[in-house]
Amino acid sequence: MMKSMSTHKVQVRRVYDASKPSDGTRVLVDRLWPRGLSKEKAELDDWCKQVSPSNELRKWYAHDPDKFEEFADRYRTELEDDERSEALDGLRRIAADGTLTLLTAAKRDDISEATVLADLISGGH
């Protein structure tokens, strides 16, 4: 039996942006709580900090666009450890049930860990 993810959508948004009805399940994937944001305003369904990059990797990367490819490679390796792998599987299960919106506080969500996760969950490498 083949599993198809094509009918389900995984998207990345900034946690500071207002929620939309099309968001589906909203999950924050940052290790740290977003500065200046209340839990009510965030409108989260879950906070999956177990899937976030290590503090060492996060600090090394510092959202430098020139380091994104290497960050993504190192992060994918980190996602193979038991705790992160289990958390990633949980996100995959959510995505299999409908739209999943991965939220990050990063100024550029296109070069964030959420982007790497969305690609993996959608079947990328």
PDB file of N, CA and C in Angstrom:
ATOM      1  N   MET A   1       0.847  -1.192   0.000  1.00  0.00           N
ATOM      2  CA  MET A   1       0.000   0.000   0.000  1.00  0.00           C
ATOM      3  C   MET A   1       0.889   1.252   0.000  1.00  0.00           C
ATOM      4  N   MET A   2       0.673   2.112  -0.954  1.00  0.00           N
ATOM      5  CA  MET A   2       1.477   3.328  -1.036  1.00  0.00           C
ATOM      6  C   MET A   2       0.796   4.468  -0.292  1.00  0.00           C
ATOM      7  N   LYS A   3       1.627   5.206   0.455  1.00  0.00           N
ATOM      8  CA  LYS A   3       1.094   6.378   1.162  1.00  0.00           C
ATOM      9  C   LYS A   3       1.345   7.607   0.302  1.00  0.00           C
ATOM     10  N   SER A   4       0.327   8.382   0.081  1.00  0.00           N
ATOM     11  CA  SER A   4       0.476   9.596  -0.717  1.00  0.00           C
ATOM     12  C   SER A   4       0.307  10.811   0.179  1.00  0.00           C
ATOM     13  N   MET A   5       1.296  11.702   0.115  1.00  0.00           N
ATOM     14  CA  MET A   5       1.227  12.931   0.905  1.00  0.00           C
ATOM     15  C   MET A   5       0.779  14.087   0.020  1.00  0.00           C
ATOM     16  N   SER A   6       0.535  13.827  -1.249  1.00  0.00           N
ATOM     17  CA  SER A   6       0.294  14.907  -2.193  1.00  0.00           C
ATOM     18  C   SER A   6      -0.992  15.688  -1.899  1.00  0.00           C
ATOM     19  N   THR A   7      -1.941  15.063  -1.216  1.00  0.00           N
ATOM     20  CA  THR A   7      -3.185  15.776  -0.929  1.00  0.00           C
ATOM     21  C   THR A   7      -3.063  16.631   0.325  1.00  0.00           C
ATOM     22  N   HIS A   8      -1.970  16.471   1.036  1.00  0.00           N
ATOM     23  CA  HIS A   8      -1.795  17.227   2.274  1.00  0.00           C
ATOM     24  C   HIS A   8      -0.723  18.288   2.093  1.00  0.00           C
ATOM     25  N   LYS A   9      -0.902  19.348   2.795  1.00  0.00           N
ATOM     26  CA  LYS A   9      -0.044  20.508   2.611  1.00  0.00           C
ATOM     27  C   LYS A   9       0.779  20.753   3.878  1.00  0.00           C
ATOM     28  N   VAL A  10       2.069  20.974   3.692  1.00  0.00           N
ATOM     29  CA  VAL A  10       2.938  21.387   4.788  1.00  0.00           C
ATOM     30  C   VAL A  10       3.445  22.763   4.409  1.00  0.00           C
ATOM     31  N   GLN A  11       3.207  23.723   5.279  1.00  0.00           N
ATOM     32  CA  GLN A  11       3.640  25.090   4.975  1.00  0.00           C
ATOM     33  C   GLN A  11       4.414  25.661   6.153  1.00  0.00           C
ATOM     34  N   VAL A  12       5.163  26.700   5.870  1.00  0.00           N
ATOM     35  CA  VAL A  12       5.993  27.378   6.864  1.00  0.00           C
ATOM     36  C   VAL A  12       5.540  28.817   6.962  1.00  0.00           C
ATOM     37  N   ARG A  13       5.359  29.275   8.195  1.00  0.00           N
ATOM     38  CA  ARG A  13       4.968  30.676   8.409  1.00  0.00           C
ATOM     39  C   ARG A  13       5.680  31.205   9.639  1.00  0.00           C
ATOM     40  N   ARG A  14       5.721  32.509   9.738  1.00  0.00           N
ATOM     41  CA  ARG A  14       6.265  33.143  10.947  1.00  0.00           C
ATOM     42  C   ARG A  14       5.197  33.121  12.032  1.00  0.00           C
ATOM     43  N   VAL A  15       5.615  32.798  13.244  1.00  0.00           N
ATOM     44  CA  VAL A  15       4.679  32.701  14.358  1.00  0.00           C
ATOM     45  C   VAL A  15       4.078  34.066  14.702  1.00  0.00           C
ATOM     46  N   TYR A  16       4.759  35.140  14.315  1.00  0.00           N
ATOM     47  CA  TYR A  16       4.260  36.488  14.604  1.00  0.00           C
ATOM     48  C   TYR A  16       3.127  36.910  13.660  1.00  0.00           C
ATOM     49  N   ASP A  17       2.974  36.223  12.538  1.00  0.00           N
ATOM     50  CA  ASP A  17       1.899  36.553  11.600  1.00  0.00           C
ATOM     51  C   ASP A  17       0.574  36.009  12.124  1.00  0.00           C
ATOM     52  N   ALA A  18      -0.507  36.706  11.813  1.00  0.00           N
ATOM     53  CA  ALA A  18      -1.835  36.275  12.268  1.00  0.00           C
ATOM     54  C   ALA A  18      -2.169  34.909  11.677  1.00  0.00           C
ATOM     55  N   SER A  19      -2.858  34.093  12.465  1.00  0.00           N
ATOM     56  CA  SER A  19      -3.252  32.773  11.970  1.00  0.00           C
ATOM     57  C   SER A  19      -4.304  32.931  10.881  1.00  0.00           C
ATOM     58  N   LYS A  20      -4.366  31.911  10.022  1.00  0.00           N
ATOM     59  CA  LYS A  20      -5.347  31.891   8.924  1.00  0.00           C
ATOM     60  C   LYS A  20      -6.154  30.600   9.036  1.00  0.00           C
ATOM     61  N   PRO A  21      -7.399  30.608   8.598  1.00  0.00           N
ATOM     62  CA  PRO A  21      -8.197  29.377   8.607  1.00  0.00           C
ATOM     63  C   PRO A  21      -7.527  28.242   7.824  1.00  0.00           C
ATOM     64  N   SER A  22      -6.719  28.584   6.818  1.00  0.00           N
ATOM     65  CA  SER A  22      -6.065  27.573   5.985  1.00  0.00           C
ATOM     66  C   SER A  22      -4.818  26.967   6.634  1.00  0.00           C
ATOM     67  N   ASP A  23      -4.480  27.405   7.855  1.00  0.00           N
ATOM     68  CA  ASP A  23      -3.271  26.913   8.528  1.00  0.00           C
ATOM     69  C   ASP A  23      -3.369  25.451   8.945  1.00  0.00           C
ATOM     70  N   GLY A  24      -4.562  24.962   9.197  1.00  0.00           N
ATOM     71  CA  GLY A  24      -4.674  23.601   9.699  1.00  0.00           C
ATOM     72  C   GLY A  24      -4.087  23.526  11.099  1.00  0.00           C
ATOM     73  N   THR A  25      -3.256  22.525  11.345  1.00  0.00           N
ATOM     74  CA  THR A  25      -2.614  22.359  12.648  1.00  0.00           C
ATOM     75  C   THR A  25      -1.374  23.232  12.703  1.00  0.00           C
ATOM     76  N   ARG A  26      -1.306  24.103  13.710  1.00  0.00           N
ATOM     77  CA  ARG A  26      -0.201  25.057  13.860  1.00  0.00           C
ATOM     78  C   ARG A  26       0.762  24.566  14.936  1.00  0.00           C
ATOM     79  N   VAL A  27       2.028  24.320  14.511  1.00  0.00           N
ATOM     80  CA  VAL A  27       3.023  23.784  15.437  1.00  0.00           C
ATOM     81  C   VAL A  27       4.283  24.648  15.398  1.00  0.00           C
ATOM     82  N   LEU A  28       4.655  25.168  16.563  1.00  0.00           N
ATOM     83  CA  LEU A  28       5.901  25.922  16.706  1.00  0.00           C
ATOM     84  C   LEU A  28       7.046  24.919  16.769  1.00  0.00           C
ATOM     85  N   VAL A  29       8.098  25.122  15.960  1.00  0.00           N
ATOM     86  CA  VAL A  29       9.215  24.187  15.928  1.00  0.00           C
ATOM     87  C   VAL A  29      10.526  24.818  16.402  1.00  0.00           C
ATOM     88  N   ASP A  30      10.462  25.970  17.032  1.00  0.00           N
ATOM     89  CA  ASP A  30      11.647  26.617  17.611  1.00  0.00           C
ATOM     90  C   ASP A  30      11.910  26.062  19.003  1.00  0.00           C
ATOM     91  N   ARG A  31      13.183  26.034  19.394  1.00  0.00           N
ATOM     92  CA  ARG A  31      13.548  25.590  20.746  1.00  0.00           C
ATOM     93  C   ARG A  31      13.141  26.634  21.792  1.00  0.00           C
ATOM     94  N   LEU A  32      13.277  27.899  21.433  1.00  0.00           N
ATOM     95  CA  LEU A  32      12.993  28.988  22.377  1.00  0.00           C
ATOM     96  C   LEU A  32      11.637  29.609  22.072  1.00  0.00           C
ATOM     97  N   TRP A  33      10.928  30.023  23.126  1.00  0.00           N
ATOM     98  CA  TRP A  33       9.643  30.698  22.924  1.00  0.00           C
ATOM     99  C   TRP A  33       9.886  32.041  22.247  1.00  0.00           C
ATOM    100  N   PRO A  34       9.071  32.418  21.267  1.00  0.00           N
ATOM    101  CA  PRO A  34       9.254  33.690  20.545  1.00  0.00           C
ATOM    102  C   PRO A  34       9.159  34.899  21.478  1.00  0.00           C
ATOM    103  N   ARG A  35      10.121  35.754  21.372  1.00  0.00           N
ATOM    104  CA  ARG A  35      10.195  36.950  22.207  1.00  0.00           C
ATOM    105  C   ARG A  35       8.973  37.840  22.017  1.00  0.00           C
ATOM    106  N   GLY A  36       8.389  38.255  23.128  1.00  0.00           N
ATOM    107  CA  GLY A  36       7.296  39.228  23.085  1.00  0.00           C
ATOM    108  C   GLY A  36       5.957  38.696  22.615  1.00  0.00           C
ATOM    109  N   LEU A  37       5.800  37.382  22.547  1.00  0.00           N
ATOM    110  CA  LEU A  37       4.558  36.799  22.039  1.00  0.00           C
ATOM    111  C   LEU A  37       3.857  36.018  23.148  1.00  0.00           C
ATOM    112  N   SER A  38       2.588  36.320  23.365  1.00  0.00           N
ATOM    113  CA  SER A  38       1.822  35.581  24.378  1.00  0.00           C
ATOM    114  C   SER A  38       1.351  34.255  23.800  1.00  0.00           C
ATOM    115  N   LYS A  39       1.114  33.294  24.664  1.00  0.00           N
ATOM    116  CA  LYS A  39       0.625  31.984  24.212  1.00  0.00           C
ATOM    117  C   LYS A  39      -0.731  32.130  23.511  1.00  0.00           C
ATOM    118  N   GLU A  40      -1.570  33.049  23.978  1.00  0.00           N
ATOM    119  CA  GLU A  40      -2.882  33.260  23.366  1.00  0.00           C
ATOM    120  C   GLU A  40      -2.739  33.803  21.945  1.00  0.00           C
ATOM    121  N   LYS A  41      -1.868  34.782  21.779  1.00  0.00           N
ATOM    122  CA  LYS A  41      -1.695  35.410  20.465  1.00  0.00           C
ATOM    123  C   LYS A  41      -1.070  34.437  19.465  1.00  0.00           C
ATOM    124  N   ALA A  42      -0.258  33.515  19.946  1.00  0.00           N
ATOM    125  CA  ALA A  42       0.416  32.559  19.060  1.00  0.00           C
ATOM    126  C   ALA A  42      -0.573  31.580  18.428  1.00  0.00           C
ATOM    127  N   GLU A  43      -1.679  31.312  19.103  1.00  0.00           N
ATOM    128  CA  GLU A  43      -2.703  30.390  18.591  1.00  0.00           C
ATOM    129  C   GLU A  43      -2.097  29.071  18.095  1.00  0.00           C
ATOM    130  N   LEU A  44      -1.314  28.439  18.963  1.00  0.00           N
ATOM    131  CA  LEU A  44      -0.654  27.182  18.616  1.00  0.00           C
ATOM    132  C   LEU A  44      -1.525  25.987  18.943  1.00  0.00           C
ATOM    133  N   ASP A  45      -1.357  24.938  18.164  1.00  0.00           N
ATOM    134  CA  ASP A  45      -1.927  23.647  18.516  1.00  0.00           C
ATOM    135  C   ASP A  45      -0.902  22.830  19.290  1.00  0.00           C
ATOM    136  N   ASP A  46       0.393  23.096  19.042  1.00  0.00           N
ATOM    137  CA  ASP A  46       1.441  22.350  19.720  1.00  0.00           C
ATOM    138  C   ASP A  46       2.753  23.122  19.622  1.00  0.00           C
ATOM    139  N   TRP A  47       3.669  22.806  20.542  1.00  0.00           N
ATOM    140  CA  TRP A  47       5.024  23.362  20.511  1.00  0.00           C
ATOM    141  C   TRP A  47       5.946  22.158  20.545  1.00  0.00           C
ATOM    142  N   CYS A  48       6.587  21.878  19.445  1.00  0.00           N
ATOM    143  CA  CYS A  48       7.424  20.690  19.304  1.00  0.00           C
ATOM    144  C   CYS A  48       8.890  21.093  19.357  1.00  0.00           C
ATOM    145  N   LYS A  49       9.351  21.509  20.536  1.00  0.00           N
ATOM    146  CA  LYS A  49      10.740  21.951  20.629  1.00  0.00           C
ATOM    147  C   LYS A  49      11.728  20.786  20.545  1.00  0.00           C
ATOM    148  N   GLN A  50      11.247  19.539  20.721  1.00  0.00           N
ATOM    149  CA  GLN A  50      12.126  18.374  20.627  1.00  0.00           C
ATOM    150  C   GLN A  50      12.708  18.208  19.232  1.00  0.00           C
ATOM    151  N   VAL A  51      12.043  18.766  18.220  1.00  0.00           N
ATOM    152  CA  VAL A  51      12.491  18.606  16.839  1.00  0.00           C
ATOM    153  C   VAL A  51      13.453  19.720  16.413  1.00  0.00           C
ATOM    154  N   SER A  52      13.654  20.697  17.261  1.00  0.00           N
ATOM    155  CA  SER A  52      14.462  21.860  16.883  1.00  0.00           C
ATOM    156  C   SER A  52      15.957  21.525  16.873  1.00  0.00           C
ATOM    157  N   PRO A  53      16.743  22.344  16.176  1.00  0.00           N
ATOM    158  CA  PRO A  53      18.192  22.117  16.133  1.00  0.00           C
ATOM    159  C   PRO A  53      18.816  22.288  17.524  1.00  0.00           C
ATOM    160  N   SER A  54      19.972  21.671  17.718  1.00  0.00           N
ATOM    161  CA  SER A  54      20.698  21.824  18.980  1.00  0.00           C
ATOM    162  C   SER A  54      21.075  23.297  19.181  1.00  0.00           C
ATOM    163  N   ASN A  55      21.301  23.669  20.421  1.00  0.00           N
ATOM    164  CA  ASN A  55      21.729  25.048  20.703  1.00  0.00           C
ATOM    165  C   ASN A  55      23.026  25.367  19.971  1.00  0.00           C
ATOM    166  N   GLU A  56      23.938  24.389  19.913  1.00  0.00           N
ATOM    167  CA  GLU A  56      25.222  24.605  19.238  1.00  0.00           C
ATOM    168  C   GLU A  56      25.019  24.900  17.759  1.00  0.00           C
ATOM    169  N   LEU A  57      24.184  24.111  17.106  1.00  0.00           N
ATOM    170  CA  LEU A  57      23.921  24.318  15.676  1.00  0.00           C
ATOM    171  C   LEU A  57      23.183  25.628  15.446  1.00  0.00           C
ATOM    172  N   ARG A  58      22.204  25.903  16.284  1.00  0.00           N
ATOM    173  CA  ARG A  58      21.421  27.132  16.150  1.00  0.00           C
ATOM    174  C   ARG A  58      22.322  28.366  16.273  1.00  0.00           C
ATOM    175  N   LYS A  59      23.231  28.342  17.255  1.00  0.00           N
ATOM    176  CA  LYS A  59      24.125  29.495  17.467  1.00  0.00           C
ATOM    177  C   LYS A  59      25.152  29.611  16.341  1.00  0.00           C
ATOM    178  N   TRP A  60      25.668  28.478  15.870  1.00  0.00           N
ATOM    179  CA  TRP A  60      26.624  28.513  14.765  1.00  0.00           C
ATOM    180  C   TRP A  60      25.970  29.101  13.518  1.00  0.00           C
ATOM    181  N   TYR A  61      24.768  28.672  13.239  1.00  0.00           N
ATOM    182  CA  TYR A  61      24.063  29.102  12.028  1.00  0.00           C
ATOM    183  C   TYR A  61      23.692  30.580  12.072  1.00  0.00           C
ATOM    184  N   ALA A  62      23.059  30.997  13.155  1.00  0.00           N
ATOM    185  CA  ALA A  62      22.657  32.395  13.349  1.00  0.00           C
ATOM    186  C   ALA A  62      21.873  32.963  12.153  1.00  0.00           C
ATOM    187  N   HIS A  63      21.166  32.106  11.424  1.00  0.00           N
ATOM    188  CA  HIS A  63      20.353  32.485  10.262  1.00  0.00           C
ATOM    189  C   HIS A  63      21.127  33.260   9.211  1.00  0.00           C
ATOM    190  N   ASP A  64      22.390  32.865   9.036  1.00  0.00           N
ATOM    191  CA  ASP A  64      23.230  33.441   7.992  1.00  0.00           C
ATOM    192  C   ASP A  64      22.880  32.740   6.673  1.00  0.00           C
ATOM    193  N   PRO A  65      22.317  33.472   5.695  1.00  0.00           N
ATOM    194  CA  PRO A  65      21.905  32.841   4.431  1.00  0.00           C
ATOM    195  C   PRO A  65      23.024  32.043   3.760  1.00  0.00           C
ATOM    196  N   ASP A  66      24.271  32.495   3.909  1.00  0.00           N
ATOM    197  CA  ASP A  66      25.396  31.796   3.287  1.00  0.00           C
ATOM    198  C   ASP A  66      25.659  30.435   3.920  1.00  0.00           C
ATOM    199  N   LYS A  67      25.166  30.228   5.137  1.00  0.00           N
ATOM    200  CA  LYS A  67      25.381  28.961   5.840  1.00  0.00           C
ATOM    201  C   LYS A  67      24.179  28.029   5.748  1.00  0.00           C
ATOM    202  N   PHE A  68      23.112  28.426   5.041  1.00  0.00           N
ATOM    203  CA  PHE A  68      21.879  27.642   5.079  1.00  0.00           C
ATOM    204  C   PHE A  68      22.056  26.207   4.595  1.00  0.00           C
ATOM    205  N   GLU A  69      22.744  26.004   3.464  1.00  0.00           N
ATOM    206  CA  GLU A  69      22.899  24.644   2.927  1.00  0.00           C
ATOM    207  C   GLU A  69      23.624  23.745   3.927  1.00  0.00           C
ATOM    208  N   GLU A  70      24.711  24.251   4.506  1.00  0.00           N
ATOM    209  CA  GLU A  70      25.442  23.440   5.484  1.00  0.00           C
ATOM    210  C   GLU A  70      24.607  23.238   6.748  1.00  0.00           C
ATOM    211  N   PHE A  71      23.886  24.279   7.153  1.00  0.00           N
ATOM    212  CA  PHE A  71      22.978  24.146   8.307  1.00  0.00           C
ATOM    213  C   PHE A  71      21.962  23.036   8.048  1.00  0.00           C
ATOM    214  N   ALA A  72      21.341  23.053   6.857  1.00  0.00           N
ATOM    215  CA  ALA A  72      20.325  22.060   6.524  1.00  0.00           C
ATOM    216  C   ALA A  72      20.910  20.653   6.577  1.00  0.00           C
ATOM    217  N   ASP A  73      22.129  20.466   6.060  1.00  0.00           N
ATOM    218  CA  ASP A  73      22.778  19.152   6.097  1.00  0.00           C
ATOM    219  C   ASP A  73      23.035  18.715   7.537  1.00  0.00           C
ATOM    220  N   ARG A  74      23.593  19.612   8.343  1.00  0.00           N
ATOM    221  CA  ARG A  74      23.886  19.279   9.743  1.00  0.00           C
ATOM    222  C   ARG A  74      22.594  19.002  10.514  1.00  0.00           C
ATOM    223  N   TYR A  75      21.564  19.770  10.235  1.00  0.00           N
ATOM    224  CA  TYR A  75      20.290  19.606  10.928  1.00  0.00           C
ATOM    225  C   TYR A  75      19.647  18.272  10.568  1.00  0.00           C
ATOM    226  N   ARG A  76      19.691  17.912   9.273  1.00  0.00           N
ATOM    227  CA  ARG A  76      19.138  16.615   8.863  1.00  0.00           C
ATOM    228  C   ARG A  76      19.849  15.477   9.601  1.00  0.00           C
ATOM    229  N   THR A  77      21.149  15.622   9.828  1.00  0.00           N
ATOM    230  CA  THR A  77      21.892  14.614  10.590  1.00  0.00           C
ATOM    231  C   THR A  77      21.400  14.588  12.034  1.00  0.00           C
ATOM    232  N   GLU A  78      21.208  15.755  12.637  1.00  0.00           N
ATOM    233  CA  GLU A  78      20.690  15.812  14.016  1.00  0.00           C
ATOM    234  C   GLU A  78      19.307  15.160  14.123  1.00  0.00           C
ATOM    235  N   LEU A  79      18.511  15.286  13.083  1.00  0.00           N
ATOM    236  CA  LEU A  79      17.150  14.734  13.103  1.00  0.00           C
ATOM    237  C   LEU A  79      17.131  13.200  13.120  1.00  0.00           C
ATOM    238  N   GLU A  80      18.297  12.592  12.958  1.00  0.00           N
ATOM    239  CA  GLU A  80      18.381  11.131  13.016  1.00  0.00           C
ATOM    240  C   GLU A  80      18.466  10.620  14.453  1.00  0.00           C
ATOM    241  N   ASP A  81      18.750  11.500  15.429  1.00  0.00           N
ATOM    242  CA  ASP A  81      18.816  11.006  16.805  1.00  0.00           C
ATOM    243  C   ASP A  81      17.416  10.647  17.285  1.00  0.00           C
ATOM    244  N   ASP A  82      17.337   9.798  18.292  1.00  0.00           N
ATOM    245  CA  ASP A  82      16.060   9.201  18.705  1.00  0.00           C
ATOM    246  C   ASP A  82      14.977  10.220  19.044  1.00  0.00           C
ATOM    247  N   GLU A  83      15.305  11.198  19.900  1.00  0.00           N
ATOM    248  CA  GLU A  83      14.281  12.151  20.337  1.00  0.00           C
ATOM    249  C   GLU A  83      13.771  12.992  19.166  1.00  0.00           C
ATOM    250  N   ARG A  84      14.691  13.505  18.362  1.00  0.00           N
ATOM    251  CA  ARG A  84      14.272  14.333  17.230  1.00  0.00           C
ATOM    252  C   ARG A  84      13.537  13.499  16.175  1.00  0.00           C
ATOM    253  N   SER A  85      14.005  12.289  15.949  1.00  0.00           N
ATOM    254  CA  SER A  85      13.372  11.419  14.966  1.00  0.00           C
ATOM    255  C   SER A  85      11.938  11.097  15.380  1.00  0.00           C
ATOM    256  N   GLU A  86      11.737  10.839  16.653  1.00  0.00           N
ATOM    257  CA  GLU A  86      10.390  10.562  17.158  1.00  0.00           C
ATOM    258  C   GLU A  86       9.482  11.781  16.998  1.00  0.00           C
ATOM    259  N   ALA A  87      10.024  12.980  17.292  1.00  0.00           N
ATOM    260  CA  ALA A  87       9.251  14.215  17.144  1.00  0.00           C
ATOM    261  C   ALA A  87       8.906  14.463  15.672  1.00  0.00           C
ATOM    262  N   LEU A  88       9.853  14.203  14.778  1.00  0.00           N
ATOM    263  CA  LEU A  88       9.612  14.367  13.341  1.00  0.00           C
ATOM    264  C   LEU A  88       8.519  13.407  12.875  1.00  0.00           C
ATOM    265  N   ASP A  89       8.546  12.182  13.373  1.00  0.00           N
ATOM    266  CA  ASP A  89       7.488  11.223  13.028  1.00  0.00           C
ATOM    267  C   ASP A  89       6.121  11.731  13.482  1.00  0.00           C
ATOM    268  N   GLY A  90       6.075  12.372  14.647  1.00  0.00           N
ATOM    269  CA  GLY A  90       4.822  12.955  15.134  1.00  0.00           C
ATOM    270  C   GLY A  90       4.308  14.027  14.193  1.00  0.00           C
ATOM    271  N   LEU A  91       5.209  14.854  13.669  1.00  0.00           N
ATOM    272  CA  LEU A  91       4.818  15.891  12.710  1.00  0.00           C
ATOM    273  C   LEU A  91       4.331  15.257  11.409  1.00  0.00           C
ATOM    274  N   ARG A  92       4.976  14.177  11.003  1.00  0.00           N
ATOM    275  CA  ARG A  92       4.535  13.471   9.787  1.00  0.00           C
ATOM    276  C   ARG A  92       3.115  12.931   9.959  1.00  0.00           C
ATOM    277  N   ARG A  93       2.808  12.420  11.161  1.00  0.00           N
ATOM    278  CA  ARG A  93       1.457  11.901  11.420  1.00  0.00           C
ATOM    279  C   ARG A  93       0.419  13.027  11.340  1.00  0.00           C
ATOM    280  N   ILE A  94       0.767  14.194  11.862  1.00  0.00           N
ATOM    281  CA  ILE A  94      -0.145  15.345  11.788  1.00  0.00           C
ATOM    282  C   ILE A  94      -0.378  15.714  10.320  1.00  0.00           C
ATOM    283  N   ALA A  95       0.713  15.763   9.542  1.00  0.00           N
ATOM    284  CA  ALA A  95       0.619  16.143   8.130  1.00  0.00           C
ATOM    285  C   ALA A  95      -0.202  15.120   7.339  1.00  0.00           C
ATOM    286  N   ALA A  96      -0.143  13.863   7.748  1.00  0.00           N
ATOM    287  CA  ALA A  96      -0.904  12.826   7.043  1.00  0.00           C
ATOM    288  C   ALA A  96      -2.406  13.015   7.232  1.00  0.00           C
ATOM    289  N   ASP A  97      -2.785  13.722   8.299  1.00  0.00           N
ATOM    290  CA  ASP A  97      -4.206  13.954   8.595  1.00  0.00           C
ATOM    291  C   ASP A  97      -4.752  15.251   8.007  1.00  0.00           C
ATOM    292  N   GLY A  98      -3.898  16.104   7.466  1.00  0.00           N
ATOM    293  CA  GLY A  98      -4.373  17.371   6.913  1.00  0.00           C
ATOM    294  C   GLY A  98      -3.263  18.395   6.848  1.00  0.00           C
ATOM    295  N   THR A  99      -3.622  19.647   6.709  1.00  0.00           N
ATOM    296  CA  THR A  99      -2.634  20.718   6.579  1.00  0.00           C
ATOM    297  C   THR A  99      -1.866  20.913   7.876  1.00  0.00           C
ATOM    298  N   LEU A 100      -0.553  21.023   7.755  1.00  0.00           N
ATOM    299  CA  LEU A 100       0.342  21.287   8.875  1.00  0.00           C
ATOM    300  C   LEU A 100       1.074  22.586   8.584  1.00  0.00           C
ATOM    301  N   THR A 101       1.012  23.518   9.533  1.00  0.00           N
ATOM    302  CA  THR A 101       1.766  24.762   9.416  1.00  0.00           C
ATOM    303  C   THR A 101       2.850  24.759  10.480  1.00  0.00           C
ATOM    304  N   LEU A 102       4.104  24.762  10.018  1.00  0.00           N
ATOM    305  CA  LEU A 102       5.256  24.818  10.911  1.00  0.00           C
ATOM    306  C   LEU A 102       5.582  26.276  11.150  1.00  0.00           C
ATOM    307  N   LEU A 103       5.650  26.650  12.417  1.00  0.00           N
ATOM    308  CA  LEU A 103       5.851  28.049  12.781  1.00  0.00           C
ATOM    309  C   LEU A 103       7.242  28.276  13.350  1.00  0.00           C
ATOM    310  N   THR A 104       7.817  29.419  12.997  1.00  0.00           N
ATOM    311  CA  THR A 104       9.126  29.811  13.494  1.00  0.00           C
ATOM    312  C   THR A 104       9.126  31.313  13.759  1.00  0.00           C
ATOM    313  N   ALA A 105       9.981  31.725  14.682  1.00  0.00           N
ATOM    314  CA  ALA A 105      10.130  33.149  14.968  1.00  0.00           C
ATOM    315  C   ALA A 105      11.211  33.782  14.091  1.00  0.00           C
ATOM    316  N   ALA A 106      11.890  32.978  13.293  1.00  0.00           N
ATOM    317  CA  ALA A 106      12.964  33.486  12.436  1.00  0.00           C
ATOM    318  C   ALA A 106      12.450  34.615  11.541  1.00  0.00           C
ATOM    319  N   LYS A 107      13.290  35.630  11.360  1.00  0.00           N
ATOM    320  CA  LYS A 107      12.903  36.752  10.496  1.00  0.00           C
ATOM    321  C   LYS A 107      12.667  36.281   9.066  1.00  0.00           C
ATOM    322  N   ARG A 108      13.481  35.312   8.616  1.00  0.00           N
ATOM    323  CA  ARG A 108      13.321  34.740   7.272  1.00  0.00           C
ATOM    324  C   ARG A 108      12.941  33.275   7.426  1.00  0.00           C
ATOM    325  N   ASP A 109      11.670  32.994   7.252  1.00  0.00           N
ATOM    326  CA  ASP A 109      11.230  31.614   7.429  1.00  0.00           C
ATOM    327  C   ASP A 109      11.707  30.700   6.301  1.00  0.00           C
ATOM    328  N   ASP A 110      12.169  31.290   5.183  1.00  0.00           N
ATOM    329  CA  ASP A 110      12.624  30.478   4.047  1.00  0.00           C
ATOM    330  C   ASP A 110      13.998  29.859   4.275  1.00  0.00           C
ATOM    331  N   ILE A 111      14.722  30.295   5.297  1.00  0.00           N
ATOM    332  CA  ILE A 111      16.027  29.717   5.622  1.00  0.00           C
ATOM    333  C   ILE A 111      16.039  29.273   7.088  1.00  0.00           C
ATOM    334  N   SER A 112      14.936  28.761   7.546  1.00  0.00           N
ATOM    335  CA  SER A 112      14.808  28.335   8.936  1.00  0.00           C
ATOM    336  C   SER A 112      14.765  26.821   9.042  1.00  0.00           C
ATOM    337  N   GLU A 113      14.833  26.320  10.281  1.00  0.00           N
ATOM    338  CA  GLU A 113      14.688  24.874  10.480  1.00  0.00           C
ATOM    339  C   GLU A 113      13.315  24.398  10.022  1.00  0.00           C
ATOM    340  N   ALA A 114      12.320  25.285  10.099  1.00  0.00           N
ATOM    341  CA  ALA A 114      10.969  24.912   9.664  1.00  0.00           C
ATOM    342  C   ALA A 114      10.953  24.573   8.169  1.00  0.00           C
ATOM    343  N   THR A 115      11.759  25.264   7.378  1.00  0.00           N
ATOM    344  CA  THR A 115      11.850  24.992   5.945  1.00  0.00           C
ATOM    345  C   THR A 115      12.430  23.601   5.694  1.00  0.00           C
ATOM    346  N   VAL A 116      13.474  23.256   6.460  1.00  0.00           N
ATOM    347  CA  VAL A 116      14.102  21.934   6.339  1.00  0.00           C
ATOM    348  C   VAL A 116      13.091  20.857   6.720  1.00  0.00           C
ATOM    349  N   LEU A 117      12.370  21.086   7.817  1.00  0.00           N
ATOM    350  CA  LEU A 117      11.363  20.123   8.283  1.00  0.00           C
ATOM    351  C   LEU A 117      10.243  19.935   7.264  1.00  0.00           C
ATOM    352  N   ALA A 118       9.753  21.055   6.713  1.00  0.00           N
ATOM    353  CA  ALA A 118       8.667  20.981   5.729  1.00  0.00           C
ATOM    354  C   ALA A 118       9.101  20.147   4.532  1.00  0.00           C
ATOM    355  N   ASP A 119      10.341  20.332   4.081  1.00  0.00           N
ATOM    356  CA  ASP A 119      10.846  19.562   2.964  1.00  0.00           C
ATOM    357  C   ASP A 119      10.900  18.068   3.303  1.00  0.00           C
ATOM    358  N   LEU A 120      11.397  17.735   4.478  1.00  0.00           N
ATOM    359  CA  LEU A 120      11.494  16.332   4.902  1.00  0.00           C
ATOM    360  C   LEU A 120      10.106  15.698   5.018  1.00  0.00           C
ATOM    361  N   ILE A 121       9.185  16.417   5.640  1.00  0.00           N
ATOM    362  CA  ILE A 121       7.830  15.890   5.850  1.00  0.00           C
ATOM    363  C   ILE A 121       7.120  15.702   4.510  1.00  0.00           C
ATOM    364  N   SER A 122       7.406  16.572   3.561  1.00  0.00           N
ATOM    365  CA  SER A 122       6.762  16.503   2.237  1.00  0.00           C
ATOM    366  C   SER A 122       7.421  15.460   1.337  1.00  0.00           C
ATOM    367  N   GLY A 123       8.440  14.792   1.855  1.00  0.00           N
ATOM    368  CA  GLY A 123       9.073  13.723   1.089  1.00  0.00           C
ATOM    369  C   GLY A 123      10.402  14.082   0.479  1.00  0.00           C
ATOM    370  N   GLY A 124      10.914  15.249   0.796  1.00  0.00           N
ATOM    371  CA  GLY A 124      12.237  15.635   0.278  1.00  0.00           C
ATOM    372  C   GLY A 124      13.351  14.998   1.092  1.00  0.00           C
ATOM    373  N   HIS A 125      14.586  15.345   0.779  1.00  0.00           N
ATOM    374  CA  HIS A 125      15.722  14.741   1.491  1.00  0.00           C
ATOM    375  C   HIS A 125      16.567  15.803   2.138  1.00  0.00           C
TER     376      HIS A 125
END
